[in-house]
Structure formats: structure tokens, C-alpha cells
C-alpha atoms as a PDB file:
ATOM      1  CA  UNK A   1      57.759 173.669-167.205  1.00  0.00           C
ATOM      2  CA  UNK A   2      58.274 174.111-170.934  1.00  0.00           C
ATOM      3  CA  UNK A   3      55.233 172.893-172.864  1.00  0.00           C
ATOM      4  CA  UNK A   4      55.477 174.350-176.350  1.00  0.00           C
ATOM      5  CA  UNK A   5      58.282 174.383-178.858  1.00  0.00           C
ATOM      6  CA  UNK A   6      58.605 178.127-178.198  1.00  0.00           C
ATOM      7  CA  UNK A   7      58.941 177.478-174.454  1.00  0.00           C
ATOM      8  CA  UNK A   8      61.599 174.837-175.066  1.00  0.00           C
ATOM      9  CA  UNK A   9      63.439 177.017-177.581  1.00  0.00           C
ATOM     10  CA  UNK A  10      63.560 179.990-175.204  1.00  0.00           C
ATOM     11  CA  UNK A  11      64.557 177.767-172.269  1.00  0.00           C
ATOM     12  CA  UNK A  12      67.462 176.432-174.305  1.00  0.00           C
ATOM     13  CA  UNK A  13      68.521 179.965-175.301  1.00  0.00           C
ATOM     14  CA  UNK A  14      68.415 180.961-171.621  1.00  0.00           C
ATOM     15  CA  UNK A  15      70.607 177.965-170.704  1.00  0.00           C
ATOM     16  CA  UNK A  16      73.095 178.881-173.441  1.00  0.00           C
ATOM     17  CA  UNK A  17      73.173 182.477-172.186  1.00  0.00           C
ATOM     18  CA  UNK A  18      73.894 181.259-168.666  1.00  0.00           C
ATOM     19  CA  UNK A  19      76.674 179.021-170.049  1.00  0.00           C
ATOM     20  CA  UNK A  20      77.933 181.927-172.189  1.00  0.00           C
ATOM     21  CA  UNK A  21      77.968 179.633-175.232  1.00  0.00           C
ATOM     22  CA  UNK A  22      77.944 182.204-178.024  1.00  0.00           C
ATOM     23  CA  UNK A  23      78.636 179.649-180.759  1.00  0.00           C
ATOM     24  CA  UNK A  24      75.605 177.515-179.870  1.00  0.00           C
ATOM     25  CA  UNK A  25      73.382 180.584-179.598  1.00  0.00           C
ATOM     26  CA  UNK A  26      74.459 181.570-183.095  1.00  0.00           C
ATOM     27  CA  UNK A  27      73.726 178.033-184.292  1.00  0.00           C
ATOM     28  CA  UNK A  28      70.198 178.197-182.823  1.00  0.00           C
ATOM     29  CA  UNK A  29      69.271 181.432-184.571  1.00  0.00           C
ATOM     30  CA  UNK A  30      68.542 180.268-188.116  1.00  0.00           C
ATOM     31  CA  UNK A  31      67.380 182.969-190.479  1.00  0.00           C
ATOM     32  CA  UNK A  32      67.102 181.280-193.837  1.00  0.00           C
ATOM     33  CA  UNK A  33      65.196 178.320-195.157  1.00  0.00           C
ATOM     34  CA  UNK A  34      64.976 175.499-195.532  1.00  0.00           C
ATOM     35  CA  UNK A  35      64.002 175.268-191.882  1.00  0.00           C
ATOM     36  CA  UNK A  36      64.275 172.067-189.872  1.00  0.00           C
ATOM     37  CA  UNK A  37      60.940 170.731-188.605  1.00  0.00           C
ATOM     38  CA  UNK A  38      61.476 172.221-185.142  1.00  0.00           C
ATOM     39  CA  UNK A  39      61.655 175.710-186.688  1.00  0.00           C
ATOM     40  CA  UNK A  40      58.562 175.036-188.813  1.00  0.00           C
ATOM     41  CA  UNK A  41      56.732 174.145-185.598  1.00  0.00           C
ATOM     42  CA  UNK A  42      58.203 177.180-183.792  1.00  0.00           C
ATOM     43  CA  UNK A  43      57.105 179.506-186.598  1.00  0.00           C
ATOM     44  CA  UNK A  44      53.616 178.021-186.588  1.00  0.00           C
ATOM     45  CA  UNK A  45      53.318 178.493-182.818  1.00  0.00           C
ATOM     46  CA  UNK A  46      54.508 182.109-182.969  1.00  0.00           C
ATOM     47  CA  UNK A  47      52.099 182.873-185.829  1.00  0.00           C
ATOM     48  CA  UNK A  48      49.219 181.341-183.900  1.00  0.00           C
ATOM     49  CA  UNK A  49      49.947 182.736-180.428  1.00  0.00           C
ATOM     50  CA  UNK A  50      51.494 186.086-181.429  1.00  0.00           C
ATOM     51  CA  UNK A  51      50.074 187.321-184.752  1.00  0.00           C
ATOM     52  CA  UNK A  52      50.934 190.760-186.096  1.00  0.00           C
ATOM     53  CA  UNK A  53      49.989 193.316-183.482  1.00  0.00           C
ATOM     54  CA  UNK A  54      50.742 190.996-180.538  1.00  0.00           C
ATOM     55  CA  UNK A  55      54.401 191.925-180.248  1.00  0.00           C
ATOM     56  CA  UNK A  56      53.963 193.278-176.703  1.00  0.00           C
ATOM     57  CA  UNK A  57      52.724 189.880-175.564  1.00  0.00           C
ATOM     58  CA  UNK A  58      55.628 188.212-177.340  1.00  0.00           C
ATOM     59  CA  UNK A  59      58.062 190.569-175.620  1.00  0.00           C
ATOM     60  CA  UNK A  60      56.556 189.684-172.249  1.00  0.00           C
ATOM     61  CA  UNK A  61      56.866 185.987-173.081  1.00  0.00           C
ATOM     62  CA  UNK A  62      60.504 186.339-174.141  1.00  0.00           C
ATOM     63  CA  UNK A  63      61.419 188.520-171.162  1.00  0.00           C
ATOM     64  CA  UNK A  64      59.894 186.024-168.728  1.00  0.00           C
ATOM     65  CA  UNK A  65      61.577 183.086-170.494  1.00  0.00           C
ATOM     66  CA  UNK A  66      65.019 184.698-170.572  1.00  0.00           C
ATOM     67  CA  UNK A  67      65.725 185.750-166.969  1.00  0.00           C
ATOM     68  CA  UNK A  68      69.454 185.518-167.640  1.00  0.00           C
ATOM     69  CA  UNK A  69      69.166 188.276-170.252  1.00  0.00           C
ATOM     70  CA  UNK A  70      66.514 190.220-168.346  1.00  0.00           C
ATOM     71  CA  UNK A  71      68.361 190.230-165.002  1.00  0.00           C
ATOM     72  CA  UNK A  72      71.978 189.802-166.075  1.00  0.00           C
ATOM     73  CA  UNK A  73      74.446 187.138-164.991  1.00  0.00           C
ATOM     74  CA  UNK A  74      77.377 187.154-162.605  1.00  0.00           C
ATOM     75  CA  UNK A  75      76.586 190.705-161.507  1.00  0.00           C
ATOM     76  CA  UNK A  76      76.399 192.097-165.033  1.00  0.00           C
ATOM     77  CA  UNK A  77      73.692 194.502-166.027  1.00  0.00           C
ATOM     78  CA  UNK A  78      70.626 193.217-167.824  1.00  0.00           C
ATOM     79  CA  UNK A  79      70.733 192.497-171.508  1.00  0.00           C
ATOM     80  CA  UNK A  80      67.401 194.041-172.393  1.00  0.00           C
ATOM     81  CA  UNK A  81      68.735 194.599-175.900  1.00  0.00           C
ATOM     82  CA  UNK A  82      69.074 190.820-176.285  1.00  0.00           C
ATOM     83  CA  UNK A  83      65.465 190.338-175.173  1.00  0.00           C
ATOM     84  CA  UNK A  84      64.378 192.871-177.806  1.00  0.00           C
ATOM     85  CA  UNK A  85      66.605 191.163-180.385  1.00  0.00           C
ATOM     86  CA  UNK A  86      64.976 187.796-179.639  1.00  0.00           C
ATOM     87  CA  UNK A  87      61.536 189.341-180.068  1.00  0.00           C
ATOM     88  CA  UNK A  88      62.618 190.783-183.413  1.00  0.00           C
ATOM     89  CA  UNK A  89      64.102 187.414-184.394  1.00  0.00           C
ATOM     90  CA  UNK A  90      60.811 185.634-183.647  1.00  0.00           C
ATOM     91  CA  UNK A  91      58.855 188.359-185.487  1.00  0.00           C
ATOM     92  CA  UNK A  92      61.194 187.887-188.442  1.00  0.00           C
ATOM     93  CA  UNK A  93      60.552 184.130-188.471  1.00  0.00           C
ATOM     94  CA  UNK A  94      56.810 184.731-188.125  1.00  0.00           C
ATOM     95  CA  UNK A  95      56.623 187.270-190.944  1.00  0.00           C
ATOM     96  CA  UNK A  96      59.284 186.229-193.443  1.00  0.00           C
ATOM     97  CA  UNK A  97      58.085 185.331-196.917  1.00  0.00           C
ATOM     98  CA  UNK A  98      61.026 184.043-198.905  1.00  0.00           C
ATOM     99  CA  UNK A  99      59.010 184.488-202.101  1.00  0.00           C
ATOM    100  CA  UNK A 100      59.045 188.259-201.528  1.00  0.00           C
ATOM    101  CA  UNK A 101      62.718 189.226-201.519  1.00  0.00           C
ATOM    102  CA  UNK A 102      62.144 192.946-200.898  1.00  0.00           C
ATOM    103  CA  UNK A 103      60.051 192.240-197.798  1.00  0.00           C
ATOM    104  CA  UNK A 104      62.615 189.666-196.636  1.00  0.00           C
ATOM    105  CA  UNK A 105      65.369 192.253-197.061  1.00  0.00           C
ATOM    106  CA  UNK A 106      63.366 194.795-195.048  1.00  0.00           C
ATOM    107  CA  UNK A 107      62.748 192.278-192.254  1.00  0.00           C
ATOM    108  CA  UNK A 108      66.429 191.333-192.156  1.00  0.00           C
ATOM    109  CA  UNK A 109      67.359 195.009-191.993  1.00  0.00           C
ATOM    110  CA  UNK A 110      65.065 195.477-188.991  1.00  0.00           C
ATOM    111  CA  UNK A 111      66.542 192.408-187.307  1.00  0.00           C
ATOM    112  CA  UNK A 112      70.096 193.670-187.742  1.00  0.00           C
ATOM    113  CA  UNK A 113      69.387 197.106-186.256  1.00  0.00           C
END
């Protein structure tokens, strides 16, 4: 059962993956402020539970929460790249400092790779 905002967020992403709703997935992945309160809470949770250096734990969390991406759907191969992307997305949200444009640019570059 989803308890935290992160759990709920990842559960919703997994549902959208299963439904193959690319537009809604795109809508869920905000990258620039101002962030709605749910994203402020999400960022706070990720910072608290997965500080810098805890990316392996975050990857485990995301992989477990996104079985559709991890295992594939309708006989497709797994989307491990999407799991890694989601980890990078959450790391971006955790680490972004919009007051430091160079660092923000570097984080966005990592996310887009």
C-alpha cells in the first residue's frame, strides 16, 4: 500500500505505464518551478529518505515501484532505461537549485542523457 507521496507518485507512474498514457506521464514529470505542493512534498521526501549518496537505494525503490517498466508489459522487454530515467528525474528534483543556473543546466543535461 502506498504510504508516502513518493509511493503514490511512483504507483501512479506505474499505472500510466500500464495504460500506455504517454501524455499523462509527460504531464507528471515537472522539471521547473514553481512546483505544486505535491512536488514540494515529494522533493522533501526524496531529500530526507535518499540524500546524495543514496542513489542505489532510490533505484531499488523505483525498480520495485515500477514493475511495469522493470518487467515489461504485453510481452515486451523490460524498460530498465525508464527506471534509470526515473531515478535521475528524482535526483534532479532533489538536487536542483534554481538560484544556481549553471548547476541546474548540468543537472538537466544529465537527466536528458
